[in-house]
Amino acid sequence: MNIAIPELALVVLIGPDTPAKRAFAARHFKPDEIHELLATYLEGDPDLPIIEARLEAGKLTVVDAPNESIDERARFHTVSRHHCVEPVAMLFDFAKGSNDSARSALLGRRLKALDKEGFHRIGLLDSEQSAAKATVTRERLPQRKQELTGPFDIIGDVHGCFDELEELLTWLGYLPASNHLGERVYRHPQGRRVIFLGDLVDRGPRVVDCVQLAMAMCRD
C-alpha cells in the first residue's frame, strides 16, 4: 500500500506508541520532521509554536503522539488552516478481534469520523505487517512552481478594466504577440512574467477581454 501525502503538510500519527509505529515513522520521515508531543494537551503548551514555526518555514511536519481524542486533534486543524496546509492522518490500529466483519465496521466508522473532522487524506495501517510494507510518497504541490525564477510583474485588482490593463502592460515593457493558438498575448522582450493575483472581473466594462487575455497568457 502506498500513502501519498503533499510535500508540505501536517501529518498526524494516530495510535498508541508501538515499535511498529516508531519504525514506520523513522523509515518514512526525517528525524527533524518528527515532533513528539510529550507534554499534556493544555492551552499554551510549548508544542504548537514549534509546529507553527515549521509550517511557516514551509517544512513538512509530523506529529507523533497517540492523538486518540477529537480534542487532541482539533488544534492541528486550526494550525493547518492558519498556514494553508493539508492535515493528513495516519491511523495505526493493530487491534485484533474475533469478528473480522465487526472490526472492519469499526475501522470504517473511525475513518468516516476522521473525514468529518477534516482529515480528508487518511492512511490506514491496520496491522504491523501493513505498516512494515507500506510506502509513503510525497506529491508536489501544484502551486509550488520552483522552476519559475522571474523577474515577475505582480498585477492585482484588474476588475474588468481592460484598456487600463493594456496600458499598464505596455508601460512595463510588454509587447503584443500571439501564442501557439493564435490568441493575443503580451510578452516581455527580457522574459519577464506577469502574475495575476485575482479579481480580474467585476465592475469594469471589459470583463470578458480581461479573462481571455489572462487565460491566453497562462497558456503561453
N, C-alpha and C. Protein backbone atom coordinates (compact mmCIF):
# COMPACT_ATOMS: atom_id res chain seq x y z
N MET A 1 0.84 -1.19 0.00
CA MET A 1 0.00 0.00 0.00
C MET A 1 0.87 1.23 0.00
N ASN A 2 0.49 2.19 -0.84
CA ASN A 2 1.21 3.45 -0.88
C ASN A 2 0.32 4.55 -0.33
N ILE A 3 0.90 5.39 0.51
CA ILE A 3 0.20 6.54 1.07
C ILE A 3 0.81 7.79 0.46
N ALA A 4 0.03 8.53 -0.31
CA ALA A 4 0.51 9.75 -0.95
C ALA A 4 0.16 10.95 -0.07
N ILE A 5 1.15 11.78 0.21
CA ILE A 5 0.93 12.97 1.02
C ILE A 5 1.50 14.18 0.29
N PRO A 6 0.95 15.38 0.53
CA PRO A 6 1.55 16.58 -0.07
C PRO A 6 2.95 16.80 0.48
N GLU A 7 3.80 17.41 -0.32
CA GLU A 7 5.17 17.65 0.13
C GLU A 7 5.22 18.62 1.31
N LEU A 8 4.20 19.45 1.45
CA LEU A 8 4.07 20.31 2.62
C LEU A 8 2.74 19.99 3.26
N ALA A 9 2.77 19.41 4.45
CA ALA A 9 1.55 19.00 5.13
C ALA A 9 1.85 18.87 6.61
N LEU A 10 0.76 18.77 7.39
CA LEU A 10 0.87 18.43 8.79
C LEU A 10 0.35 17.01 8.94
N VAL A 11 1.26 16.07 9.19
CA VAL A 11 0.92 14.66 9.26
C VAL A 11 0.74 14.28 10.73
N VAL A 12 -0.44 13.76 11.05
CA VAL A 12 -0.76 13.39 12.43
C VAL A 12 -0.80 11.87 12.52
N LEU A 13 0.11 11.30 13.31
CA LEU A 13 0.15 9.86 13.52
C LEU A 13 -0.79 9.53 14.68
N ILE A 14 -1.79 8.71 14.41
CA ILE A 14 -2.82 8.41 15.40
C ILE A 14 -2.70 6.94 15.81
N GLY A 15 -2.57 6.73 17.12
CA GLY A 15 -2.47 5.36 17.62
C GLY A 15 -1.47 5.28 18.75
N PRO A 16 -1.55 4.24 19.56
CA PRO A 16 -0.63 4.09 20.69
C PRO A 16 0.81 3.91 20.22
N ASP A 17 1.72 4.24 21.10
CA ASP A 17 3.15 4.11 20.80
C ASP A 17 3.53 2.63 20.77
N THR A 18 3.97 2.16 19.61
CA THR A 18 4.41 0.77 19.45
C THR A 18 5.70 0.76 18.65
N PRO A 19 6.48 -0.31 18.75
CA PRO A 19 7.70 -0.41 17.92
C PRO A 19 7.39 -0.29 16.43
N ALA A 20 6.28 -0.89 15.98
CA ALA A 20 5.94 -0.83 14.56
C ALA A 20 5.63 0.60 14.12
N LYS A 21 4.96 1.35 14.96
CA LYS A 21 4.65 2.74 14.64
C LYS A 21 5.92 3.59 14.58
N ARG A 22 6.81 3.38 15.56
CA ARG A 22 8.07 4.13 15.57
C ARG A 22 8.94 3.76 14.36
N ALA A 23 8.96 2.50 14.01
CA ALA A 23 9.74 2.07 12.86
C ALA A 23 9.20 2.69 11.58
N PHE A 24 7.88 2.75 11.46
CA PHE A 24 7.26 3.37 10.29
C PHE A 24 7.66 4.84 10.19
N ALA A 25 7.57 5.55 11.30
CA ALA A 25 7.91 6.97 11.29
C ALA A 25 9.38 7.18 10.93
N ALA A 26 10.24 6.37 11.51
CA ALA A 26 11.68 6.52 11.25
C ALA A 26 12.03 6.18 9.82
N ARG A 27 11.28 5.25 9.21
CA ARG A 27 11.58 4.82 7.85
C ARG A 27 11.14 5.85 6.81
N HIS A 28 10.08 6.58 7.07
CA HIS A 28 9.49 7.43 6.04
C HIS A 28 9.68 8.94 6.28
N PHE A 29 10.15 9.31 7.47
CA PHE A 29 10.29 10.74 7.76
C PHE A 29 11.66 11.01 8.37
N LYS A 30 12.17 12.19 8.09
CA LYS A 30 13.47 12.57 8.64
C LYS A 30 13.32 12.89 10.12
N PRO A 31 14.39 12.73 10.89
CA PRO A 31 14.29 12.99 12.34
C PRO A 31 13.81 14.40 12.67
N ASP A 32 14.25 15.39 11.89
CA ASP A 32 13.84 16.76 12.20
C ASP A 32 12.39 17.04 11.78
N GLU A 33 11.78 16.14 11.00
CA GLU A 33 10.39 16.32 10.61
C GLU A 33 9.43 15.80 11.67
N ILE A 34 9.91 14.90 12.53
CA ILE A 34 9.04 14.26 13.52
C ILE A 34 9.07 15.05 14.82
N HIS A 35 7.88 15.46 15.25
CA HIS A 35 7.77 16.18 16.52
C HIS A 35 6.95 15.33 17.48
N GLU A 36 7.57 14.87 18.54
CA GLU A 36 6.89 14.02 19.51
C GLU A 36 6.26 14.91 20.58
N LEU A 37 4.95 14.79 20.72
CA LEU A 37 4.24 15.57 21.73
C LEU A 37 4.31 14.82 23.05
N LEU A 38 5.20 15.29 23.90
CA LEU A 38 5.36 14.64 25.20
C LEU A 38 4.60 15.40 26.29
N ALA A 39 4.31 16.67 26.02
CA ALA A 39 3.60 17.48 27.02
C ALA A 39 2.11 17.17 26.97
N THR A 40 1.43 17.52 28.04
CA THR A 40 -0.02 17.36 28.06
C THR A 40 -0.66 18.38 27.15
N TYR A 41 -1.87 18.08 26.69
CA TYR A 41 -2.57 18.96 25.76
C TYR A 41 -3.25 20.08 26.54
N LEU A 42 -2.49 21.08 26.88
CA LEU A 42 -3.01 22.23 27.60
C LEU A 42 -2.87 23.47 26.75
N GLU A 43 -3.78 24.41 26.97
CA GLU A 43 -3.71 25.66 26.23
C GLU A 43 -2.39 26.35 26.56
N GLY A 44 -1.68 26.75 25.53
CA GLY A 44 -0.42 27.45 25.75
C GLY A 44 0.77 26.53 25.93
N ASP A 45 0.63 25.23 25.63
CA ASP A 45 1.77 24.33 25.78
C ASP A 45 2.81 24.69 24.72
N PRO A 46 4.07 24.28 24.91
CA PRO A 46 5.15 24.72 24.03
C PRO A 46 5.19 24.03 22.68
N ASP A 47 4.34 23.06 22.44
CA ASP A 47 4.45 22.27 21.21
C ASP A 47 3.96 23.03 19.98
N LEU A 48 2.80 23.69 20.10
CA LEU A 48 2.21 24.32 18.92
C LEU A 48 3.09 25.38 18.29
N PRO A 49 3.74 26.28 19.06
CA PRO A 49 4.62 27.25 18.41
C PRO A 49 5.72 26.61 17.56
N ILE A 50 6.23 25.47 18.00
CA ILE A 50 7.26 24.78 17.22
C ILE A 50 6.68 24.27 15.91
N ILE A 51 5.49 23.67 16.01
CA ILE A 51 4.83 23.16 14.81
C ILE A 51 4.52 24.29 13.85
N GLU A 52 3.99 25.39 14.39
CA GLU A 52 3.65 26.53 13.55
C GLU A 52 4.88 27.12 12.88
N ALA A 53 5.99 27.18 13.59
CA ALA A 53 7.22 27.74 13.02
C ALA A 53 7.70 26.89 11.85
N ARG A 54 7.58 25.57 11.97
CA ARG A 54 7.99 24.69 10.87
C ARG A 54 7.10 24.90 9.65
N LEU A 55 5.78 24.94 9.86
CA LEU A 55 4.87 25.13 8.74
C LEU A 55 5.07 26.49 8.11
N GLU A 56 5.32 27.50 8.92
CA GLU A 56 5.58 28.84 8.40
C GLU A 56 6.82 28.84 7.51
N ALA A 57 7.79 27.99 7.85
CA ALA A 57 9.02 27.89 7.06
C ALA A 57 8.86 26.97 5.86
N GLY A 58 7.66 26.42 5.65
CA GLY A 58 7.42 25.55 4.51
C GLY A 58 7.99 24.15 4.66
N LYS A 59 8.01 23.64 5.90
CA LYS A 59 8.58 22.33 6.16
C LYS A 59 7.49 21.34 6.57
N LEU A 60 7.51 20.16 5.96
CA LEU A 60 6.59 19.11 6.36
C LEU A 60 6.83 18.76 7.82
N THR A 61 5.74 18.58 8.55
CA THR A 61 5.83 18.34 9.99
C THR A 61 4.98 17.13 10.36
N VAL A 62 5.55 16.25 11.15
CA VAL A 62 4.87 15.03 11.59
C VAL A 62 4.68 15.10 13.10
N VAL A 63 3.45 14.94 13.54
CA VAL A 63 3.13 14.94 14.96
C VAL A 63 2.98 13.49 15.42
N ASP A 64 3.88 13.05 16.27
CA ASP A 64 3.88 11.66 16.75
C ASP A 64 3.42 11.65 18.20
N ALA A 65 2.19 11.21 18.41
CA ALA A 65 1.59 11.09 19.73
C ALA A 65 0.38 10.18 19.57
N PRO A 66 -0.23 9.72 20.66
CA PRO A 66 -1.43 8.89 20.49
C PRO A 66 -2.53 9.61 19.71
N ASN A 67 -2.77 10.89 20.02
CA ASN A 67 -3.77 11.69 19.29
C ASN A 67 -5.10 10.95 19.15
N GLU A 68 -5.51 10.30 20.23
CA GLU A 68 -6.68 9.44 20.15
C GLU A 68 -8.01 10.19 20.24
N SER A 69 -8.03 11.36 20.87
CA SER A 69 -9.30 12.05 21.07
C SER A 69 -9.48 13.19 20.07
N ILE A 70 -10.74 13.56 19.86
CA ILE A 70 -11.05 14.67 18.95
C ILE A 70 -10.43 15.95 19.48
N ASP A 71 -10.47 16.16 20.78
CA ASP A 71 -9.91 17.38 21.36
C ASP A 71 -8.42 17.47 21.11
N GLU A 72 -7.73 16.35 21.19
CA GLU A 72 -6.29 16.36 20.94
C GLU A 72 -5.98 16.71 19.50
N ARG A 73 -6.84 16.28 18.58
CA ARG A 73 -6.58 16.51 17.16
C ARG A 73 -7.09 17.86 16.67
N ALA A 74 -8.05 18.45 17.38
CA ALA A 74 -8.72 19.66 16.88
C ALA A 74 -7.74 20.80 16.65
N ARG A 75 -6.79 20.96 17.54
CA ARG A 75 -5.85 22.08 17.42
C ARG A 75 -5.01 21.98 16.15
N PHE A 76 -4.80 20.76 15.67
CA PHE A 76 -3.99 20.61 14.46
C PHE A 76 -4.76 21.10 13.22
N HIS A 77 -6.08 20.97 13.23
CA HIS A 77 -6.87 21.53 12.13
C HIS A 77 -6.75 23.04 12.11
N THR A 78 -6.81 23.65 13.28
CA THR A 78 -6.69 25.11 13.37
C THR A 78 -5.34 25.57 12.82
N VAL A 79 -4.29 24.88 13.23
CA VAL A 79 -2.94 25.24 12.76
C VAL A 79 -2.83 25.03 11.25
N SER A 80 -3.39 23.93 10.75
CA SER A 80 -3.31 23.64 9.31
C SER A 80 -4.02 24.72 8.50
N ARG A 81 -5.23 25.08 8.93
CA ARG A 81 -5.97 26.12 8.20
C ARG A 81 -5.24 27.44 8.23
N HIS A 82 -4.66 27.76 9.38
CA HIS A 82 -3.96 29.05 9.52
C HIS A 82 -2.79 29.15 8.55
N HIS A 83 -2.12 28.02 8.32
CA HIS A 83 -0.93 28.03 7.45
C HIS A 83 -1.23 27.46 6.07
N CYS A 84 -2.51 27.23 5.77
CA CYS A 84 -2.94 26.80 4.43
C CYS A 84 -2.24 25.51 3.99
N VAL A 85 -2.13 24.55 4.90
CA VAL A 85 -1.58 23.25 4.56
C VAL A 85 -2.63 22.19 4.85
N GLU A 86 -2.50 21.04 4.21
CA GLU A 86 -3.47 19.97 4.38
C GLU A 86 -3.11 19.10 5.57
N PRO A 87 -4.07 18.84 6.47
CA PRO A 87 -3.80 17.88 7.54
C PRO A 87 -3.97 16.46 7.02
N VAL A 88 -3.02 15.60 7.33
CA VAL A 88 -3.05 14.21 6.89
C VAL A 88 -3.05 13.32 8.13
N ALA A 89 -3.93 12.35 8.15
CA ALA A 89 -3.98 11.41 9.27
C ALA A 89 -3.43 10.06 8.85
N MET A 90 -2.63 9.47 9.72
CA MET A 90 -2.20 8.08 9.55
C MET A 90 -2.65 7.32 10.78
N LEU A 91 -3.61 6.44 10.57
CA LEU A 91 -4.24 5.72 11.66
C LEU A 91 -3.59 4.35 11.84
N PHE A 92 -3.01 4.15 13.02
CA PHE A 92 -2.39 2.87 13.36
C PHE A 92 -3.35 2.13 14.29
N ASP A 93 -4.00 1.13 13.77
CA ASP A 93 -4.96 0.35 14.55
C ASP A 93 -4.62 -1.13 14.38
N PHE A 94 -3.85 -1.65 15.34
CA PHE A 94 -3.40 -3.03 15.25
C PHE A 94 -4.28 -3.97 16.10
N ALA A 95 -5.41 -3.48 16.56
CA ALA A 95 -6.26 -4.29 17.43
C ALA A 95 -6.73 -5.54 16.70
N LYS A 96 -6.81 -6.63 17.42
CA LYS A 96 -7.26 -7.89 16.84
C LYS A 96 -8.58 -8.28 17.48
N GLY A 97 -9.53 -8.60 16.65
CA GLY A 97 -10.83 -9.01 17.15
C GLY A 97 -11.21 -10.37 16.62
N SER A 98 -12.11 -11.03 17.35
CA SER A 98 -12.53 -12.35 16.92
C SER A 98 -13.46 -12.29 15.72
N ASN A 99 -14.08 -11.15 15.53
CA ASN A 99 -15.04 -10.99 14.44
C ASN A 99 -14.47 -10.00 13.43
N ASP A 100 -14.01 -10.51 12.29
CA ASP A 100 -13.39 -9.65 11.29
C ASP A 100 -14.37 -8.61 10.75
N SER A 101 -15.61 -9.01 10.54
CA SER A 101 -16.59 -8.06 9.99
C SER A 101 -16.87 -6.94 10.98
N ALA A 102 -16.91 -7.26 12.27
CA ALA A 102 -17.13 -6.24 13.29
C ALA A 102 -15.97 -5.26 13.32
N ARG A 103 -14.75 -5.78 13.20
CA ARG A 103 -13.59 -4.90 13.20
C ARG A 103 -13.56 -4.02 11.96
N SER A 104 -13.90 -4.57 10.81
CA SER A 104 -13.95 -3.79 9.58
C SER A 104 -14.97 -2.67 9.70
N ALA A 105 -16.11 -2.97 10.31
CA ALA A 105 -17.14 -1.96 10.50
C ALA A 105 -16.64 -0.86 11.43
N LEU A 106 -15.92 -1.25 12.49
CA LEU A 106 -15.38 -0.27 13.42
C LEU A 106 -14.35 0.63 12.74
N LEU A 107 -13.46 0.03 11.94
CA LEU A 107 -12.47 0.82 11.22
C LEU A 107 -13.15 1.77 10.24
N GLY A 108 -14.22 1.29 9.59
CA GLY A 108 -14.95 2.16 8.68
C GLY A 108 -15.53 3.37 9.38
N ARG A 109 -16.06 3.15 10.58
CA ARG A 109 -16.62 4.28 11.34
C ARG A 109 -15.52 5.24 11.77
N ARG A 110 -14.35 4.72 12.14
CA ARG A 110 -13.24 5.60 12.53
C ARG A 110 -12.77 6.45 11.36
N LEU A 111 -12.70 5.85 10.19
CA LEU A 111 -12.26 6.60 9.01
C LEU A 111 -13.28 7.68 8.65
N LYS A 112 -14.57 7.35 8.73
CA LYS A 112 -15.60 8.36 8.45
C LYS A 112 -15.55 9.50 9.46
N ALA A 113 -15.31 9.16 10.72
CA ALA A 113 -15.22 10.19 11.75
C ALA A 113 -14.04 11.11 11.50
N LEU A 114 -12.90 10.55 11.11
CA LEU A 114 -11.73 11.37 10.82
C LEU A 114 -11.99 12.28 9.62
N ASP A 115 -12.70 11.75 8.62
CA ASP A 115 -13.02 12.56 7.45
C ASP A 115 -13.91 13.74 7.84
N LYS A 116 -14.88 13.50 8.72
CA LYS A 116 -15.75 14.58 9.18
C LYS A 116 -14.97 15.63 9.98
N GLU A 117 -13.93 15.19 10.66
CA GLU A 117 -13.10 16.13 11.41
C GLU A 117 -12.32 17.05 10.48
N GLY A 118 -12.10 16.61 9.26
CA GLY A 118 -11.31 17.41 8.34
C GLY A 118 -10.09 16.71 7.79
N PHE A 119 -9.87 15.46 8.21
CA PHE A 119 -8.77 14.66 7.65
C PHE A 119 -9.30 13.96 6.40
N HIS A 120 -9.19 14.59 5.26
CA HIS A 120 -9.72 14.01 4.03
C HIS A 120 -8.71 13.09 3.35
N ARG A 121 -7.49 13.11 3.82
CA ARG A 121 -6.46 12.19 3.31
C ARG A 121 -6.00 11.35 4.50
N ILE A 122 -6.32 10.06 4.46
CA ILE A 122 -6.07 9.19 5.61
C ILE A 122 -5.37 7.92 5.14
N GLY A 123 -4.32 7.56 5.84
CA GLY A 123 -3.66 6.28 5.59
C GLY A 123 -3.97 5.33 6.74
N LEU A 124 -4.49 4.16 6.41
CA LEU A 124 -4.86 3.19 7.43
C LEU A 124 -3.81 2.09 7.49
N LEU A 125 -3.18 1.92 8.65
CA LEU A 125 -2.25 0.83 8.90
C LEU A 125 -2.92 -0.07 9.93
N ASP A 126 -3.53 -1.17 9.46
CA ASP A 126 -4.36 -1.99 10.34
C ASP A 126 -3.64 -3.22 10.87
N SER A 127 -2.35 -3.31 10.64
CA SER A 127 -1.56 -4.42 11.20
C SER A 127 -0.09 -4.04 11.16
N GLU A 128 0.70 -4.73 11.94
CA GLU A 128 2.14 -4.48 11.91
C GLU A 128 2.72 -4.81 10.54
N GLN A 129 2.15 -5.81 9.88
CA GLN A 129 2.62 -6.19 8.56
C GLN A 129 2.35 -5.09 7.54
N SER A 130 1.15 -4.50 7.59
CA SER A 130 0.83 -3.42 6.64
C SER A 130 1.69 -2.20 6.90
N ALA A 131 2.01 -1.92 8.16
CA ALA A 131 2.88 -0.80 8.48
C ALA A 131 4.29 -1.03 7.96
N ALA A 132 4.73 -2.28 8.01
CA ALA A 132 6.09 -2.60 7.55
C ALA A 132 6.20 -2.54 6.03
N LYS A 133 5.12 -2.88 5.33
CA LYS A 133 5.16 -2.93 3.87
C LYS A 133 4.75 -1.63 3.20
N ALA A 134 4.10 -0.74 3.94
CA ALA A 134 3.57 0.49 3.34
C ALA A 134 4.69 1.40 2.87
N THR A 135 4.40 2.15 1.83
CA THR A 135 5.32 3.17 1.33
C THR A 135 4.63 4.54 1.41
N VAL A 136 5.45 5.57 1.46
CA VAL A 136 4.94 6.93 1.52
C VAL A 136 5.59 7.73 0.40
N THR A 137 4.78 8.35 -0.44
CA THR A 137 5.31 9.22 -1.49
C THR A 137 4.82 10.64 -1.24
N ARG A 138 5.65 11.58 -1.63
CA ARG A 138 5.32 12.99 -1.42
C ARG A 138 4.97 13.63 -2.76
N GLU A 139 3.79 14.20 -2.83
CA GLU A 139 3.30 14.81 -4.05
C GLU A 139 3.65 16.29 -4.08
N ARG A 140 4.13 16.71 -5.21
CA ARG A 140 4.47 18.12 -5.35
C ARG A 140 3.19 18.96 -5.38
N LEU A 141 3.18 20.05 -4.65
CA LEU A 141 2.04 20.94 -4.65
C LEU A 141 1.97 21.69 -5.99
N PRO A 142 0.79 21.73 -6.61
CA PRO A 142 0.69 22.38 -7.92
C PRO A 142 1.05 23.86 -7.90
N GLN A 143 0.87 24.52 -6.74
CA GLN A 143 1.18 25.95 -6.68
C GLN A 143 2.66 26.23 -6.43
N ARG A 144 3.43 25.18 -6.18
CA ARG A 144 4.86 25.37 -5.98
C ARG A 144 5.58 25.23 -7.31
N LYS A 145 5.79 26.33 -7.97
CA LYS A 145 6.43 26.32 -9.29
C LYS A 145 7.86 26.85 -9.13
N GLN A 146 8.68 25.98 -8.56
CA GLN A 146 10.04 26.40 -8.25
C GLN A 146 10.90 26.59 -9.49
N GLU A 147 10.41 26.08 -10.64
CA GLU A 147 11.18 26.25 -11.87
C GLU A 147 11.06 27.68 -12.42
N LEU A 148 10.08 28.43 -11.92
CA LEU A 148 9.90 29.81 -12.37
C LEU A 148 10.75 30.73 -11.50
N THR A 149 11.66 31.43 -12.12
CA THR A 149 12.62 32.23 -11.35
C THR A 149 12.44 33.73 -11.54
N GLY A 150 11.50 34.14 -12.40
CA GLY A 150 11.29 35.57 -12.57
C GLY A 150 12.27 36.19 -13.54
N PRO A 151 12.30 37.54 -13.61
CA PRO A 151 11.56 38.50 -12.78
C PRO A 151 10.05 38.45 -13.06
N PHE A 152 9.26 38.87 -12.06
CA PHE A 152 7.82 38.84 -12.15
C PHE A 152 7.24 40.26 -12.03
N ASP A 153 6.13 40.46 -12.71
CA ASP A 153 5.33 41.67 -12.52
C ASP A 153 4.00 41.23 -11.92
N ILE A 154 3.73 41.65 -10.71
CA ILE A 154 2.57 41.20 -9.95
C ILE A 154 1.43 42.20 -10.16
N ILE A 155 0.31 41.71 -10.70
CA ILE A 155 -0.82 42.59 -11.03
C ILE A 155 -2.08 42.05 -10.36
N GLY A 156 -2.75 42.89 -9.60
CA GLY A 156 -4.00 42.51 -8.96
C GLY A 156 -5.08 43.55 -9.22
N ASP A 157 -6.32 43.15 -8.93
CA ASP A 157 -7.46 44.09 -8.96
C ASP A 157 -7.65 44.75 -10.31
N VAL A 158 -7.64 43.94 -11.36
CA VAL A 158 -7.90 44.48 -12.70
C VAL A 158 -9.38 44.88 -12.83
N HIS A 159 -10.27 44.07 -12.30
CA HIS A 159 -11.70 44.38 -12.23
C HIS A 159 -12.31 44.76 -13.58
N GLY A 160 -11.92 44.04 -14.62
CA GLY A 160 -12.55 44.26 -15.91
C GLY A 160 -12.10 45.50 -16.65
N CYS A 161 -11.07 46.17 -16.18
CA CYS A 161 -10.58 47.40 -16.83
C CYS A 161 -9.51 47.01 -17.85
N PHE A 162 -9.95 46.56 -19.01
CA PHE A 162 -9.02 46.01 -20.00
C PHE A 162 -8.14 47.08 -20.61
N ASP A 163 -8.69 48.24 -20.92
CA ASP A 163 -7.87 49.30 -21.52
C ASP A 163 -6.73 49.70 -20.60
N GLU A 164 -7.05 49.81 -19.31
CA GLU A 164 -6.00 50.18 -18.35
C GLU A 164 -4.98 49.06 -18.19
N LEU A 165 -5.43 47.80 -18.30
CA LEU A 165 -4.50 46.68 -18.21
C LEU A 165 -3.52 46.71 -19.37
N GLU A 166 -4.02 46.93 -20.58
CA GLU A 166 -3.12 47.02 -21.74
C GLU A 166 -2.15 48.19 -21.58
N GLU A 167 -2.64 49.29 -21.07
CA GLU A 167 -1.76 50.45 -20.86
C GLU A 167 -0.67 50.12 -19.85
N LEU A 168 -1.04 49.40 -18.77
CA LEU A 168 -0.06 49.02 -17.75
C LEU A 168 0.99 48.08 -18.32
N LEU A 169 0.55 47.06 -19.08
CA LEU A 169 1.49 46.11 -19.66
C LEU A 169 2.46 46.81 -20.61
N THR A 170 1.94 47.74 -21.39
CA THR A 170 2.80 48.49 -22.31
C THR A 170 3.81 49.33 -21.53
N TRP A 171 3.34 49.95 -20.47
CA TRP A 171 4.23 50.78 -19.64
C TRP A 171 5.34 49.94 -19.00
N LEU A 172 5.02 48.66 -18.69
CA LEU A 172 6.00 47.76 -18.10
C LEU A 172 6.96 47.17 -19.13
N GLY A 173 6.73 47.46 -20.40
CA GLY A 173 7.64 46.99 -21.45
C GLY A 173 7.18 45.76 -22.19
N TYR A 174 5.93 45.31 -21.97
CA TYR A 174 5.41 44.15 -22.69
C TYR A 174 4.96 44.56 -24.09
N LEU A 175 5.11 43.62 -25.03
CA LEU A 175 4.75 43.87 -26.42
C LEU A 175 3.65 42.91 -26.85
N PRO A 176 2.70 43.34 -27.66
CA PRO A 176 1.64 42.43 -28.13
C PRO A 176 2.21 41.34 -29.02
N ALA A 177 1.67 40.13 -28.89
CA ALA A 177 2.13 38.99 -29.68
C ALA A 177 0.98 37.99 -29.75
N SER A 178 1.24 36.82 -30.35
CA SER A 178 0.25 35.75 -30.43
C SER A 178 0.87 34.47 -29.88
N ASN A 179 0.07 33.69 -29.17
CA ASN A 179 0.58 32.42 -28.66
C ASN A 179 0.39 31.33 -29.72
N HIS A 180 0.66 30.08 -29.36
CA HIS A 180 0.62 28.98 -30.34
C HIS A 180 -0.79 28.71 -30.85
N LEU A 181 -1.80 29.24 -30.18
CA LEU A 181 -3.18 29.07 -30.63
C LEU A 181 -3.69 30.29 -31.39
N GLY A 182 -2.81 31.25 -31.59
CA GLY A 182 -3.21 32.46 -32.31
C GLY A 182 -3.91 33.47 -31.43
N GLU A 183 -3.90 33.26 -30.13
CA GLU A 183 -4.56 34.19 -29.22
C GLU A 183 -3.65 35.38 -28.92
N ARG A 184 -4.25 36.54 -28.71
CA ARG A 184 -3.50 37.75 -28.40
C ARG A 184 -2.93 37.66 -26.99
N VAL A 185 -1.64 37.90 -26.84
CA VAL A 185 -0.96 37.90 -25.54
C VAL A 185 -0.01 39.08 -25.51
N TYR A 186 0.61 39.26 -24.37
CA TYR A 186 1.69 40.24 -24.23
C TYR A 186 2.92 39.51 -23.72
N ARG A 187 4.05 39.75 -24.37
CA ARG A 187 5.32 39.15 -23.96
C ARG A 187 6.35 40.25 -23.71
N HIS A 188 7.23 39.98 -22.76
CA HIS A 188 8.29 40.94 -22.45
C HIS A 188 9.56 40.51 -23.16
N PRO A 189 10.25 41.40 -23.85
CA PRO A 189 11.46 41.02 -24.59
C PRO A 189 12.57 40.49 -23.70
N GLN A 190 12.51 40.79 -22.39
CA GLN A 190 13.54 40.30 -21.47
C GLN A 190 13.06 39.08 -20.68
N GLY A 191 11.93 38.51 -21.07
CA GLY A 191 11.46 37.28 -20.44
C GLY A 191 10.75 37.45 -19.12
N ARG A 192 10.32 38.65 -18.78
CA ARG A 192 9.57 38.85 -17.54
C ARG A 192 8.21 38.15 -17.65
N ARG A 193 7.63 37.84 -16.49
CA ARG A 193 6.33 37.16 -16.46
C ARG A 193 5.35 37.96 -15.63
N VAL A 194 4.09 37.90 -16.07
CA VAL A 194 3.01 38.51 -15.30
C VAL A 194 2.40 37.46 -14.38
N ILE A 195 2.14 37.84 -13.16
CA ILE A 195 1.37 37.01 -12.23
C ILE A 195 0.11 37.81 -11.87
N PHE A 196 -1.05 37.28 -12.26
CA PHE A 196 -2.33 37.90 -11.91
C PHE A 196 -2.76 37.36 -10.55
N LEU A 197 -2.98 38.24 -9.60
CA LEU A 197 -3.34 37.82 -8.25
C LEU A 197 -4.82 37.54 -8.10
N GLY A 198 -5.62 37.93 -9.05
CA GLY A 198 -7.05 37.68 -8.93
C GLY A 198 -7.85 38.95 -9.15
N ASP A 199 -9.16 38.86 -8.90
CA ASP A 199 -10.07 39.99 -9.13
C ASP A 199 -9.94 40.52 -10.55
N LEU A 200 -9.93 39.61 -11.51
CA LEU A 200 -9.89 40.04 -12.92
C LEU A 200 -11.22 40.64 -13.35
N VAL A 201 -12.31 40.18 -12.73
CA VAL A 201 -13.65 40.57 -13.18
C VAL A 201 -14.31 41.49 -12.16
N ASP A 202 -15.57 41.84 -12.45
CA ASP A 202 -16.40 42.65 -11.56
C ASP A 202 -16.22 44.15 -11.86
N ARG A 203 -17.33 44.80 -12.09
CA ARG A 203 -17.43 46.26 -12.20
C ARG A 203 -16.98 46.84 -13.53
N GLY A 204 -15.81 46.46 -14.02
CA GLY A 204 -15.27 47.10 -15.22
C GLY A 204 -16.03 46.78 -16.49
N PRO A 205 -15.77 47.54 -17.58
CA PRO A 205 -16.55 47.38 -18.81
C PRO A 205 -16.12 46.24 -19.72
N ARG A 206 -14.91 45.67 -19.52
CA ARG A 206 -14.41 44.67 -20.46
C ARG A 206 -13.93 43.42 -19.70
N VAL A 207 -14.86 42.85 -18.95
CA VAL A 207 -14.57 41.70 -18.11
C VAL A 207 -14.09 40.51 -18.95
N VAL A 208 -14.82 40.20 -20.00
CA VAL A 208 -14.50 39.02 -20.82
C VAL A 208 -13.11 39.17 -21.44
N ASP A 209 -12.80 40.35 -21.92
CA ASP A 209 -11.48 40.57 -22.54
C ASP A 209 -10.36 40.34 -21.52
N CYS A 210 -10.57 40.78 -20.27
CA CYS A 210 -9.55 40.58 -19.24
C CYS A 210 -9.32 39.09 -18.97
N VAL A 211 -10.41 38.34 -18.86
CA VAL A 211 -10.29 36.91 -18.58
C VAL A 211 -9.63 36.19 -19.75
N GLN A 212 -10.03 36.54 -20.97
CA GLN A 212 -9.45 35.88 -22.14
C GLN A 212 -7.96 36.16 -22.27
N LEU A 213 -7.54 37.40 -21.98
CA LEU A 213 -6.13 37.73 -22.06
C LEU A 213 -5.33 36.97 -20.99
N ALA A 214 -5.86 36.93 -19.78
CA ALA A 214 -5.14 36.23 -18.70
C ALA A 214 -5.03 34.74 -19.03
N MET A 215 -6.10 34.13 -19.54
CA MET A 215 -6.06 32.71 -19.88
C MET A 215 -5.08 32.45 -21.03
N ALA A 216 -5.08 33.35 -22.00
CA ALA A 216 -4.15 33.18 -23.14
C ALA A 216 -2.70 33.31 -22.69
N MET A 217 -2.44 34.27 -21.78
CA MET A 217 -1.07 34.44 -21.30
C MET A 217 -0.64 33.26 -20.43
N CYS A 218 -1.58 32.66 -19.69
CA CYS A 218 -1.24 31.46 -18.92
C CYS A 218 -0.88 30.31 -19.87
N ARG A 219 -1.64 30.17 -20.96
CA ARG A 219 -1.35 29.12 -21.93
C ARG A 219 -0.02 29.37 -22.63
N ASP A 220 0.37 30.63 -22.70
CA ASP A 220 1.62 30.99 -23.38
C ASP A 220 2.83 30.70 -22.49
